[in-house]
Structures are given as C-alpha cells and as structure tokens.
Amino acid sequence: MKLDRFWITQILIIAALFAILIGSYLFSFGWFAQKTTVVKPATPTAAVAPIAQATPQPLAPPIPAPAAAPTCSTVGEIPSLDSISASLSSNDLARQKSCVEFLQAESKAGDKGAELWLGRAYHNGWGIEKDLAEAAAYYGRAATTEENAIRESAQQWQLQLQQEQQAASPKPAN
C-alpha cells in the first residue's frame, strides 16, 4: 500500500490534535498543573488568653425610606409613556391613583392617548376599581382619534376586552 500526500497530511493532523489534547490535559491536571497545597495550622504552644467580648451596642431604629414621588402629576413636565406604564402597573396604590388623576384631567382636556390609558387602567384595575364597561367606553372614545397608533391600539384593546368577556361568559348547555 502506497501512502500518498493526502494520507500523510491526515496522519499529521491527527497527531497534532492528539498532541494538543494530551498537552491540555497535562497543563490542566497533570505534570504542569499548579496544584494547591493545604497549609496545616500551627499548633499553639503557649496558653491562649480568652477573648474579651465587647458589649453589643443597641441598634439605632431604622430610618424609613422616603416615599416615592408620584411620577404622573399635573404639575411640571409631561410624563413619558414609560413612566405612565410604570406608575400604573406598579404595586404602589398612591402612585397609581396619582397617575389615574393625571390621566382623567388629560382626558377631560381632550387627550385621546389619556383615554386609551384610562381604558387600560379600568381594564386591569390599576389605581381604580376594575370596570370593564368603563374600559370599553374609554377604548371606544380613544378609537375615534385621528392618530393611527392610538386608534389601532384602542381597537386592539377593545377586541381583547370583548374576547375576555366572551370567554368569561357561561356557555349554554346543549
């Protein structure tokens, strides 16, 4: 059998890979690996004096964290969509209520985006009692806007609300 150049190349590649494998083993676990040595503690020859215990100082009462300022308010700058979303979906009832009050004021001023957010607040019970009929009314008013994004979002939320109501309604027995 004659060994041509192809087979010699294959043998050299396999030998190189085997050498890399063995080398990585030796450097990781074998001869060249840095092994940790366990240091034995020295045994004391003299008697050890007892440690004097310090009297514990009484702890100061914890300082309460400052209350988070409502992020949605009618004073100051207009809140971003992210801050409205964070305020409404937070677990802080005061923050939710302040945001709902802000959105109600904006809704009275004719802001259709605020009506969409109020629909979501009534839909999910954020800061106010959950009322699906009121949510549908706000979604309907928001769907009459000229802005495509608000209108389409209101229509999608209204459709989702209708699907939830249909799923929750009892099915007639056949």
C-alpha atoms as a PDB file:
ATOM      1  CA  MET A   1       0.000   0.000   0.000  1.00  0.00           C
ATOM      2  CA  LYS A   2       1.385   3.297  -1.045  1.00  0.00           C
ATOM      3  CA  LEU A   3       0.955   6.356   1.225  1.00  0.00           C
ATOM      4  CA  ASP A   4       0.271   9.388  -0.858  1.00  0.00           C
ATOM      5  CA  ARG A   5       0.388  13.016   0.194  1.00  0.00           C
ATOM      6  CA  PHE A   6      -3.305  13.097   1.312  1.00  0.00           C
ATOM      7  CA  TRP A   7      -2.899  10.305   3.888  1.00  0.00           C
ATOM      8  CA  ILE A   8       0.348  11.720   5.229  1.00  0.00           C
ATOM      9  CA  THR A   9      -1.413  15.055   5.771  1.00  0.00           C
ATOM     10  CA  GLN A  10      -4.287  13.315   7.559  1.00  0.00           C
ATOM     11  CA  ILE A  11      -1.887  11.445   9.851  1.00  0.00           C
ATOM     12  CA  LEU A  12      -0.031  14.674  10.700  1.00  0.00           C
ATOM     13  CA  ILE A  13      -3.305  16.472  11.503  1.00  0.00           C
ATOM     14  CA  ILE A  14      -4.438  13.629  13.784  1.00  0.00           C
ATOM     15  CA  ALA A  15      -1.038  13.548  15.510  1.00  0.00           C
ATOM     16  CA  ALA A  16      -1.158  17.326  16.067  1.00  0.00           C
ATOM     17  CA  LEU A  17      -4.672  17.159  17.516  1.00  0.00           C
ATOM     18  CA  PHE A  18      -3.640  14.287  19.784  1.00  0.00           C
ATOM     19  CA  ALA A  19      -0.621  16.292  20.982  1.00  0.00           C
ATOM     20  CA  ILE A  20      -2.868  19.273  21.744  1.00  0.00           C
ATOM     21  CA  LEU A  21      -5.268  17.030  23.655  1.00  0.00           C
ATOM     22  CA  ILE A  22      -2.500  15.450  25.742  1.00  0.00           C
ATOM     23  CA  GLY A  23      -0.871  18.848  26.332  1.00  0.00           C
ATOM     24  CA  SER A  24      -4.087  20.422  27.535  1.00  0.00           C
ATOM     25  CA  TYR A  25      -4.584  17.505  29.927  1.00  0.00           C
ATOM     26  CA  LEU A  26      -1.063  17.833  31.305  1.00  0.00           C
ATOM     27  CA  PHE A  27      -1.407  21.575  31.821  1.00  0.00           C
ATOM     28  CA  SER A  28      -4.848  21.230  33.398  1.00  0.00           C
ATOM     29  CA  PHE A  29      -4.496  18.147  35.578  1.00  0.00           C
ATOM     30  CA  GLY A  30      -1.125  16.561  35.033  1.00  0.00           C
ATOM     31  CA  TRP A  31       2.553  17.326  35.498  1.00  0.00           C
ATOM     32  CA  PHE A  32       2.486  21.072  34.806  1.00  0.00           C
ATOM     33  CA  ALA A  33      -0.726  21.936  36.628  1.00  0.00           C
ATOM     34  CA  GLN A  34      -0.400  24.331  39.521  1.00  0.00           C
ATOM     35  CA  LYS A  35      -1.556  22.335  42.466  1.00  0.00           C
ATOM     36  CA  THR A  36      -2.778  23.978  45.621  1.00  0.00           C
ATOM     37  CA  THR A  37      -1.129  22.921  48.816  1.00  0.00           C
ATOM     38  CA  VAL A  38      -3.017  22.667  52.054  1.00  0.00           C
ATOM     39  CA  VAL A  39      -1.354  24.597  54.852  1.00  0.00           C
ATOM     40  CA  LYS A  40      -1.743  22.988  58.249  1.00  0.00           C
ATOM     41  CA  PRO A  41      -2.402  25.459  61.044  1.00  0.00           C
ATOM     42  CA  ALA A  42       0.356  25.749  63.594  1.00  0.00           C
ATOM     43  CA  THR A  43      -0.443  24.329  66.996  1.00  0.00           C
ATOM     44  CA  PRO A  44      -0.179  26.937  69.738  1.00  0.00           C
ATOM     45  CA  THR A  45       2.483  26.206  72.331  1.00  0.00           C
ATOM     46  CA  ALA A  46       1.502  28.844  74.872  1.00  0.00           C
ATOM     47  CA  ALA A  47      -1.835  29.130  76.595  1.00  0.00           C
ATOM     48  CA  VAL A  48      -4.231  31.297  74.676  1.00  0.00           C
ATOM     49  CA  ALA A  49      -5.823  34.134  76.612  1.00  0.00           C
ATOM     50  CA  PRO A  50      -9.632  34.230  76.430  1.00  0.00           C
ATOM     51  CA  ILE A  51     -11.027  36.825  74.075  1.00  0.00           C
ATOM     52  CA  ALA A  52     -12.858  39.617  75.828  1.00  0.00           C
ATOM     53  CA  GLN A  53     -16.300  40.071  74.376  1.00  0.00           C
ATOM     54  CA  ALA A  54     -17.369  43.597  73.687  1.00  0.00           C
ATOM     55  CA  THR A  55     -20.789  44.617  74.914  1.00  0.00           C
ATOM     56  CA  PRO A  56     -23.111  44.948  71.953  1.00  0.00           C
ATOM     57  CA  GLN A  57     -24.264  48.459  71.212  1.00  0.00           C
ATOM     58  CA  PRO A  58     -28.010  48.912  70.815  1.00  0.00           C
ATOM     59  CA  LEU A  59     -29.011  49.293  67.195  1.00  0.00           C
ATOM     60  CA  ALA A  60     -30.448  52.569  66.061  1.00  0.00           C
ATOM     61  CA  PRO A  61     -34.010  52.354  64.800  1.00  0.00           C
ATOM     62  CA  PRO A  62     -34.146  52.002  61.016  1.00  0.00           C
ATOM     63  CA  ILE A  63     -34.661  55.161  59.057  1.00  0.00           C
ATOM     64  CA  PRO A  64     -37.693  54.841  56.797  1.00  0.00           C
ATOM     65  CA  ALA A  65     -37.060  55.298  53.116  1.00  0.00           C
ATOM     66  CA  PRO A  66     -38.500  58.460  51.618  1.00  0.00           C
ATOM     67  CA  ALA A  67     -41.798  57.947  49.880  1.00  0.00           C
ATOM     68  CA  ALA A  68     -41.508  57.742  46.125  1.00  0.00           C
ATOM     69  CA  ALA A  69     -42.823  60.831  44.457  1.00  0.00           C
ATOM     70  CA  PRO A  70     -45.714  60.243  42.099  1.00  0.00           C
ATOM     71  CA  THR A  71     -44.401  60.160  38.565  1.00  0.00           C
ATOM     72  CA  CYS A  72     -47.646  61.216  36.911  1.00  0.00           C
ATOM     73  CA  SER A  73     -48.828  64.617  38.035  1.00  0.00           C
ATOM     74  CA  THR A  74     -50.491  67.674  36.587  1.00  0.00           C
ATOM     75  CA  VAL A  75     -47.595  69.825  37.810  1.00  0.00           C
ATOM     76  CA  GLY A  76     -44.286  70.038  35.974  1.00  0.00           C
ATOM     77  CA  GLU A  77     -43.244  68.197  32.845  1.00  0.00           C
ATOM     78  CA  ILE A  78     -45.401  65.806  30.854  1.00  0.00           C
ATOM     79  CA  PRO A  79     -44.651  62.194  31.838  1.00  0.00           C
ATOM     80  CA  SER A  80     -43.320  59.769  29.260  1.00  0.00           C
ATOM     81  CA  LEU A  81     -45.200  56.674  28.159  1.00  0.00           C
ATOM     82  CA  ASP A  82     -42.735  54.554  30.115  1.00  0.00           C
ATOM     83  CA  SER A  83     -43.351  56.484  33.337  1.00  0.00           C
ATOM     84  CA  ILE A  84     -47.134  56.235  32.846  1.00  0.00           C
ATOM     85  CA  SER A  85     -46.830  52.493  32.279  1.00  0.00           C
ATOM     86  CA  ALA A  86     -44.512  52.092  35.277  1.00  0.00           C
ATOM     87  CA  SER A  87     -46.821  54.144  37.503  1.00  0.00           C
ATOM     88  CA  LEU A  88     -49.990  52.315  36.528  1.00  0.00           C
ATOM     89  CA  SER A  89     -48.535  48.817  36.748  1.00  0.00           C
ATOM     90  CA  SER A  90     -46.623  49.443  39.992  1.00  0.00           C
ATOM     91  CA  ASN A  91     -47.710  47.998  43.323  1.00  0.00           C
ATOM     92  CA  ASP A  92     -47.832  51.469  44.893  1.00  0.00           C
ATOM     93  CA  LEU A  93     -51.504  52.450  45.170  1.00  0.00           C
ATOM     94  CA  ALA A  94     -50.742  56.155  45.748  1.00  0.00           C
ATOM     95  CA  ARG A  95     -48.624  56.216  42.604  1.00  0.00           C
ATOM     96  CA  GLN A  96     -51.369  54.503  40.600  1.00  0.00           C
ATOM     97  CA  LYS A  97     -54.064  56.881  41.869  1.00  0.00           C
ATOM     98  CA  SER A  98     -51.999  59.988  41.123  1.00  0.00           C
ATOM     99  CA  CYS A  99     -51.428  58.715  37.602  1.00  0.00           C
ATOM    100  CA  VAL A 100     -55.149  57.976  37.115  1.00  0.00           C
ATOM    101  CA  GLU A 101     -55.997  61.509  38.336  1.00  0.00           C
ATOM    102  CA  PHE A 102     -53.482  62.938  35.870  1.00  0.00           C
ATOM    103  CA  LEU A 103     -54.952  60.853  33.032  1.00  0.00           C
ATOM    104  CA  GLN A 104     -58.513  61.885  33.944  1.00  0.00           C
ATOM    105  CA  ALA A 105     -57.502  65.553  33.798  1.00  0.00           C
ATOM    106  CA  GLU A 106     -55.837  64.997  30.430  1.00  0.00           C
ATOM    107  CA  SER A 107     -58.872  63.075  29.167  1.00  0.00           C
ATOM    108  CA  LYS A 108     -61.162  65.975  30.103  1.00  0.00           C
ATOM    109  CA  ALA A 109     -58.834  68.226  28.109  1.00  0.00           C
ATOM    110  CA  GLY A 110     -59.425  66.017  25.048  1.00  0.00           C
ATOM    111  CA  ASP A 111     -56.302  63.846  25.021  1.00  0.00           C
ATOM    112  CA  LYS A 112     -57.221  60.575  23.289  1.00  0.00           C
ATOM    113  CA  GLY A 113     -53.991  58.911  24.427  1.00  0.00           C
ATOM    114  CA  ALA A 114     -55.028  59.536  28.033  1.00  0.00           C
ATOM    115  CA  GLU A 115     -58.383  57.920  27.282  1.00  0.00           C
ATOM    116  CA  LEU A 116     -56.576  54.847  25.979  1.00  0.00           C
ATOM    117  CA  TRP A 117     -54.512  54.672  29.191  1.00  0.00           C
ATOM    118  CA  LEU A 118     -57.647  55.161  31.292  1.00  0.00           C
ATOM    119  CA  GLY A 119     -59.271  52.285  29.417  1.00  0.00           C
ATOM    120  CA  ARG A 120     -56.295  50.104  30.301  1.00  0.00           C
ATOM    121  CA  ALA A 121     -56.459  51.274  33.927  1.00  0.00           C
ATOM    122  CA  TYR A 122     -60.151  50.334  34.178  1.00  0.00           C
ATOM    123  CA  HIS A 123     -59.486  47.108  32.260  1.00  0.00           C
ATOM    124  CA  ASN A 124     -56.730  45.982  34.664  1.00  0.00           C
ATOM    125  CA  GLY A 125     -57.932  47.687  37.850  1.00  0.00           C
ATOM    126  CA  TRP A 126     -54.855  49.897  38.145  1.00  0.00           C
ATOM    127  CA  GLY A 127     -55.460  52.546  40.815  1.00  0.00           C
ATOM    128  CA  ILE A 128     -59.230  52.266  40.428  1.00  0.00           C
ATOM    129  CA  GLU A 129     -61.812  49.537  40.683  1.00  0.00           C
ATOM    130  CA  LYS A 130     -61.844  47.208  37.682  1.00  0.00           C
ATOM    131  CA  ASP A 131     -64.794  48.154  35.456  1.00  0.00           C
ATOM    132  CA  LEU A 132     -64.926  46.515  32.038  1.00  0.00           C
ATOM    133  CA  ALA A 133     -67.874  48.614  30.823  1.00  0.00           C
ATOM    134  CA  GLU A 134     -65.994  51.819  31.647  1.00  0.00           C
ATOM    135  CA  ALA A 135     -62.867  50.381  29.976  1.00  0.00           C
ATOM    136  CA  ALA A 136     -64.872  49.651  26.815  1.00  0.00           C
ATOM    137  CA  ALA A 137     -66.237  53.216  26.839  1.00  0.00           C
ATOM    138  CA  TYR A 138     -62.739  54.708  27.116  1.00  0.00           C
ATOM    139  CA  TYR A 139     -61.429  52.377  24.395  1.00  0.00           C
ATOM    140  CA  GLY A 140     -64.327  53.435  22.170  1.00  0.00           C
ATOM    141  CA  ARG A 141     -63.585  57.143  22.677  1.00  0.00           C
ATOM    142  CA  ALA A 142     -59.862  56.603  22.068  1.00  0.00           C
ATOM    143  CA  ALA A 143     -60.656  54.712  18.844  1.00  0.00           C
ATOM    144  CA  THR A 144     -62.216  57.871  17.349  1.00  0.00           C
ATOM    145  CA  THR A 145     -58.913  59.753  17.172  1.00  0.00           C
ATOM    146  CA  GLU A 146     -57.124  60.785  14.002  1.00  0.00           C
ATOM    147  CA  GLU A 147     -53.805  59.329  15.242  1.00  0.00           C
ATOM    148  CA  ASN A 148     -53.300  55.880  13.754  1.00  0.00           C
ATOM    149  CA  ALA A 149     -51.223  54.459  16.613  1.00  0.00           C
ATOM    150  CA  ILE A 150     -53.751  55.407  19.298  1.00  0.00           C
ATOM    151  CA  ARG A 151     -56.729  54.342  17.196  1.00  0.00           C
ATOM    152  CA  GLU A 152     -55.263  50.938  16.298  1.00  0.00           C
ATOM    153  CA  SER A 153     -54.119  50.298  19.854  1.00  0.00           C
ATOM    154  CA  ALA A 154     -57.561  51.202  21.218  1.00  0.00           C
ATOM    155  CA  GLN A 155     -59.212  48.892  18.696  1.00  0.00           C
ATOM    156  CA  GLN A 156     -56.878  46.040  19.644  1.00  0.00           C
ATOM    157  CA  TRP A 157     -57.520  46.543  23.377  1.00  0.00           C
ATOM    158  CA  GLN A 158     -61.251  46.741  22.718  1.00  0.00           C
ATOM    159  CA  LEU A 159     -61.107  43.476  20.775  1.00  0.00           C
ATOM    160  CA  GLN A 160     -59.129  41.820  23.564  1.00  0.00           C
ATOM    161  CA  LEU A 161     -61.684  43.049  26.113  1.00  0.00           C
ATOM    162  CA  GLN A 162     -64.524  41.590  24.051  1.00  0.00           C
ATOM    163  CA  GLN A 163     -62.699  38.263  23.761  1.00  0.00           C
ATOM    164  CA  GLU A 164     -62.140  38.180  27.530  1.00  0.00           C
ATOM    165  CA  GLN A 165     -65.806  38.919  28.161  1.00  0.00           C
ATOM    166  CA  GLN A 166     -66.885  36.159  25.751  1.00  0.00           C
ATOM    167  CA  ALA A 167     -64.518  33.671  27.383  1.00  0.00           C
ATOM    168  CA  ALA A 168     -65.804  34.598  30.855  1.00  0.00           C
ATOM    169  CA  SER A 169     -69.497  34.363  29.949  1.00  0.00           C
ATOM    170  CA  PRO A 170     -71.114  30.991  30.737  1.00  0.00           C
ATOM    171  CA  LYS A 171     -71.710  28.727  27.760  1.00  0.00           C
ATOM    172  CA  PRO A 172     -75.281  27.472  27.215  1.00  0.00           C
ATOM    173  CA  ALA A 173     -75.694  23.736  27.759  1.00  0.00           C
ATOM    174  CA  ASN A 174     -76.526  21.689  24.656  1.00  0.00           C
END
